[in-house]
């Protein structure tokens, strides 16, 4: 099974120039904990609710802080034509719960998450949950 078969295609995006307030409002409205950050049709980062708290609020930054100051710029991603089992192993190894999905032109086409994998293949989901949910 390919990632394109299970990924979420309807992805809400933010830009580096938007504020953390705007990003948090989008997260609330769409009931998500992370947003891909796009600049000029390119994926340039990811912003999570944890990034907002740990990288911004904990350092005294306010809601008008630009997304670029709290986002993770070193992002991991997968390709839409990759095998779900391979991607779930990578996610478990990296201990991450969601990955942006890009096409071979590196354009964002979706997001794959622990929930997507959990609803697809039992072996892949089992392996991923054990890797991602590992206590530190």
C-alpha atoms as a PDB file:
ATOM      1  CA  UNK A   1       0.000   0.000   0.000  1.00  0.00           C
ATOM      2  CA  UNK A   2       1.303   3.480  -0.892  1.00  0.00           C
ATOM      3  CA  UNK A   3       1.264   6.565   1.317  1.00  0.00           C
ATOM      4  CA  UNK A   4      -1.050   8.267  -1.191  1.00  0.00           C
ATOM      5  CA  UNK A   5      -3.684   5.623  -0.343  1.00  0.00           C
ATOM      6  CA  UNK A   6      -3.899   6.624   3.327  1.00  0.00           C
ATOM      7  CA  UNK A   7      -2.662  10.231   3.638  1.00  0.00           C
ATOM      8  CA  UNK A   8      -4.819  13.215   4.479  1.00  0.00           C
ATOM      9  CA  UNK A   9      -5.040  15.412   1.389  1.00  0.00           C
ATOM     10  CA  UNK A  10      -6.869  18.397   2.819  1.00  0.00           C
ATOM     11  CA  UNK A  11      -3.971  20.160   4.533  1.00  0.00           C
ATOM     12  CA  UNK A  12      -4.155  23.550   6.204  1.00  0.00           C
ATOM     13  CA  UNK A  13      -1.007  25.642   5.685  1.00  0.00           C
ATOM     14  CA  UNK A  14       0.608  28.719   7.207  1.00  0.00           C
ATOM     15  CA  UNK A  15       3.345  31.007   5.924  1.00  0.00           C
ATOM     16  CA  UNK A  16       6.459  32.088   7.818  1.00  0.00           C
ATOM     17  CA  UNK A  17       5.091  35.634   7.936  1.00  0.00           C
ATOM     18  CA  UNK A  18       1.820  34.749   9.656  1.00  0.00           C
ATOM     19  CA  UNK A  19       1.595  35.170  13.412  1.00  0.00           C
ATOM     20  CA  UNK A  20       1.528  32.458  16.036  1.00  0.00           C
ATOM     21  CA  UNK A  21      -1.956  33.677  16.931  1.00  0.00           C
ATOM     22  CA  UNK A  22      -3.153  33.028  13.384  1.00  0.00           C
ATOM     23  CA  UNK A  23      -1.493  29.615  13.392  1.00  0.00           C
ATOM     24  CA  UNK A  24      -3.051  28.693  16.749  1.00  0.00           C
ATOM     25  CA  UNK A  25      -6.478  29.809  15.504  1.00  0.00           C
ATOM     26  CA  UNK A  26      -6.082  27.568  12.429  1.00  0.00           C
ATOM     27  CA  UNK A  27      -5.034  24.661  14.635  1.00  0.00           C
ATOM     28  CA  UNK A  28      -8.110  25.155  16.801  1.00  0.00           C
ATOM     29  CA  UNK A  29     -10.491  25.557  13.852  1.00  0.00           C
ATOM     30  CA  UNK A  30      -9.187  22.453  12.066  1.00  0.00           C
ATOM     31  CA  UNK A  31      -8.542  20.432  15.240  1.00  0.00           C
ATOM     32  CA  UNK A  32      -4.893  19.749  14.363  1.00  0.00           C
ATOM     33  CA  UNK A  33      -1.670  19.961  16.345  1.00  0.00           C
ATOM     34  CA  UNK A  34       0.677  20.839  13.508  1.00  0.00           C
ATOM     35  CA  UNK A  35       0.750  22.895  10.344  1.00  0.00           C
ATOM     36  CA  UNK A  36       3.089  22.727   7.377  1.00  0.00           C
ATOM     37  CA  UNK A  37       4.752  26.069   6.661  1.00  0.00           C
ATOM     38  CA  UNK A  38       4.833  27.070   3.013  1.00  0.00           C
ATOM     39  CA  UNK A  39       6.664  29.908   1.295  1.00  0.00           C
ATOM     40  CA  UNK A  40       6.333  30.523  -2.443  1.00  0.00           C
ATOM     41  CA  UNK A  41       4.784  27.097  -3.058  1.00  0.00           C
ATOM     42  CA  UNK A  42       7.590  25.311  -1.179  1.00  0.00           C
ATOM     43  CA  UNK A  43       7.502  23.458   2.120  1.00  0.00           C
ATOM     44  CA  UNK A  44       9.916  25.336   4.415  1.00  0.00           C
ATOM     45  CA  UNK A  45       8.984  24.065   7.859  1.00  0.00           C
ATOM     46  CA  UNK A  46       6.507  22.610  10.305  1.00  0.00           C
ATOM     47  CA  UNK A  47       4.851  24.330  13.242  1.00  0.00           C
ATOM     48  CA  UNK A  48       3.391  22.306  16.096  1.00  0.00           C
ATOM     49  CA  UNK A  49       1.405  23.363  19.122  1.00  0.00           C
ATOM     50  CA  UNK A  50       4.447  22.278  21.140  1.00  0.00           C
ATOM     51  CA  UNK A  51       6.684  24.618  19.076  1.00  0.00           C
ATOM     52  CA  UNK A  52       4.397  27.506  19.988  1.00  0.00           C
ATOM     53  CA  UNK A  53       4.622  26.682  23.691  1.00  0.00           C
ATOM     54  CA  UNK A  54       8.284  25.670  23.986  1.00  0.00           C
ATOM     55  CA  UNK A  55       9.953  27.875  21.373  1.00  0.00           C
ATOM     56  CA  UNK A  56       7.828  30.970  21.745  1.00  0.00           C
ATOM     57  CA  UNK A  57       5.778  31.330  24.911  1.00  0.00           C
ATOM     58  CA  UNK A  58       8.432  29.778  27.197  1.00  0.00           C
ATOM     59  CA  UNK A  59      10.911  32.339  25.832  1.00  0.00           C
ATOM     60  CA  UNK A  60       8.599  35.274  26.426  1.00  0.00           C
ATOM     61  CA  UNK A  61       7.431  35.733  22.847  1.00  0.00           C
ATOM     62  CA  UNK A  62       3.865  36.823  22.274  1.00  0.00           C
ATOM     63  CA  UNK A  63       1.049  35.879  19.922  1.00  0.00           C
ATOM     64  CA  UNK A  64       2.157  38.373  17.257  1.00  0.00           C
ATOM     65  CA  UNK A  65       5.491  36.563  16.813  1.00  0.00           C
ATOM     66  CA  UNK A  66       5.984  35.391  13.215  1.00  0.00           C
ATOM     67  CA  UNK A  67       5.672  31.660  12.606  1.00  0.00           C
ATOM     68  CA  UNK A  68       9.259  31.586  11.258  1.00  0.00           C
ATOM     69  CA  UNK A  69      10.592  32.231  14.771  1.00  0.00           C
ATOM     70  CA  UNK A  70       8.997  29.095  16.264  1.00  0.00           C
ATOM     71  CA  UNK A  71       8.763  26.651  13.358  1.00  0.00           C
ATOM     72  CA  UNK A  72      11.001  23.660  12.795  1.00  0.00           C
ATOM     73  CA  UNK A  73      12.944  24.343   9.614  1.00  0.00           C
ATOM     74  CA  UNK A  74      14.722  20.970   9.462  1.00  0.00           C
ATOM     75  CA  UNK A  75      11.723  18.960   8.374  1.00  0.00           C
ATOM     76  CA  UNK A  76      11.409  15.313   7.551  1.00  0.00           C
ATOM     77  CA  UNK A  77       9.027  14.243   4.804  1.00  0.00           C
ATOM     78  CA  UNK A  78       8.072  11.261   2.707  1.00  0.00           C
ATOM     79  CA  UNK A  79       6.972  10.737  -0.872  1.00  0.00           C
ATOM     80  CA  UNK A  80       3.417   9.921  -1.870  1.00  0.00           C
ATOM     81  CA  UNK A  81       4.567   6.838  -3.800  1.00  0.00           C
ATOM     82  CA  UNK A  82       6.509   5.312  -0.887  1.00  0.00           C
ATOM     83  CA  UNK A  83       5.303   2.133   0.756  1.00  0.00           C
ATOM     84  CA  UNK A  84       3.346   2.644   4.000  1.00  0.00           C
ATOM     85  CA  UNK A  85       5.396  -0.017   5.774  1.00  0.00           C
ATOM     86  CA  UNK A  86       8.667   1.736   4.900  1.00  0.00           C
ATOM     87  CA  UNK A  87       7.344   5.137   5.994  1.00  0.00           C
ATOM     88  CA  UNK A  88       5.933   3.758   9.244  1.00  0.00           C
ATOM     89  CA  UNK A  89       9.351   2.249  10.060  1.00  0.00           C
ATOM     90  CA  UNK A  90      10.999   5.610   9.389  1.00  0.00           C
ATOM     91  CA  UNK A  91       8.448   7.425  11.554  1.00  0.00           C
ATOM     92  CA  UNK A  92       9.028   4.942  14.382  1.00  0.00           C
ATOM     93  CA  UNK A  93      12.807   5.298  14.074  1.00  0.00           C
ATOM     94  CA  UNK A  94      12.530   9.100  14.098  1.00  0.00           C
ATOM     95  CA  UNK A  95       9.876   9.000  16.858  1.00  0.00           C
ATOM     96  CA  UNK A  96       7.551  11.338  14.987  1.00  0.00           C
ATOM     97  CA  UNK A  97       3.770  11.178  14.735  1.00  0.00           C
ATOM     98  CA  UNK A  98       3.211  12.932  11.418  1.00  0.00           C
ATOM     99  CA  UNK A  99       5.063  13.627   8.198  1.00  0.00           C
ATOM    100  CA  UNK A 100       4.394  15.966   5.307  1.00  0.00           C
ATOM    101  CA  UNK A 101       3.899  14.059   2.065  1.00  0.00           C
ATOM    102  CA  UNK A 102       5.397  15.459  -1.127  1.00  0.00           C
ATOM    103  CA  UNK A 103       5.337  14.405  -4.753  1.00  0.00           C
ATOM    104  CA  UNK A 104       8.564  13.785  -6.679  1.00  0.00           C
ATOM    105  CA  UNK A 105       8.674  17.522  -7.558  1.00  0.00           C
ATOM    106  CA  UNK A 106       8.764  18.107  -3.779  1.00  0.00           C
ATOM    107  CA  UNK A 107       5.387  19.827  -3.744  1.00  0.00           C
ATOM    108  CA  UNK A 108       3.244  19.231  -0.667  1.00  0.00           C
ATOM    109  CA  UNK A 109       0.345  16.887  -1.439  1.00  0.00           C
ATOM    110  CA  UNK A 110      -0.726  15.732   2.033  1.00  0.00           C
ATOM    111  CA  UNK A 111       0.124  14.644   5.567  1.00  0.00           C
ATOM    112  CA  UNK A 112       0.489  11.119   6.897  1.00  0.00           C
ATOM    113  CA  UNK A 113      -0.001  10.592  10.614  1.00  0.00           C
ATOM    114  CA  UNK A 114      -0.017   7.879  13.197  1.00  0.00           C
ATOM    115  CA  UNK A 115      -3.824   7.827  12.873  1.00  0.00           C
ATOM    116  CA  UNK A 116      -3.632   7.296   9.090  1.00  0.00           C
ATOM    117  CA  UNK A 117      -1.276   4.352   9.525  1.00  0.00           C
ATOM    118  CA  UNK A 118      -3.304   2.915  12.401  1.00  0.00           C
ATOM    119  CA  UNK A 119      -6.323   2.670  10.106  1.00  0.00           C
ATOM    120  CA  UNK A 120      -4.398   0.963   7.312  1.00  0.00           C
ATOM    121  CA  UNK A 121      -2.164  -2.019   8.046  1.00  0.00           C
ATOM    122  CA  UNK A 122      -1.949  -3.744  11.429  1.00  0.00           C
ATOM    123  CA  UNK A 123       1.773  -4.608  11.236  1.00  0.00           C
ATOM    124  CA  UNK A 124       2.813  -1.127  10.148  1.00  0.00           C
ATOM    125  CA  UNK A 125       0.605   0.530  12.765  1.00  0.00           C
ATOM    126  CA  UNK A 126       1.821  -1.749  15.526  1.00  0.00           C
ATOM    127  CA  UNK A 127       5.480  -1.123  14.713  1.00  0.00           C
ATOM    128  CA  UNK A 128       4.943   2.615  14.425  1.00  0.00           C
ATOM    129  CA  UNK A 129       3.056   2.940  17.707  1.00  0.00           C
ATOM    130  CA  UNK A 130       5.816   1.056  19.530  1.00  0.00           C
ATOM    131  CA  UNK A 131       8.454   3.384  18.016  1.00  0.00           C
ATOM    132  CA  UNK A 132       6.637   6.688  18.335  1.00  0.00           C
ATOM    133  CA  UNK A 133       5.125   6.098  21.749  1.00  0.00           C
ATOM    134  CA  UNK A 134       8.402   4.923  23.299  1.00  0.00           C
ATOM    135  CA  UNK A 135       8.960   6.471  26.753  1.00  0.00           C
ATOM    136  CA  UNK A 136      12.089   8.599  27.155  1.00  0.00           C
END
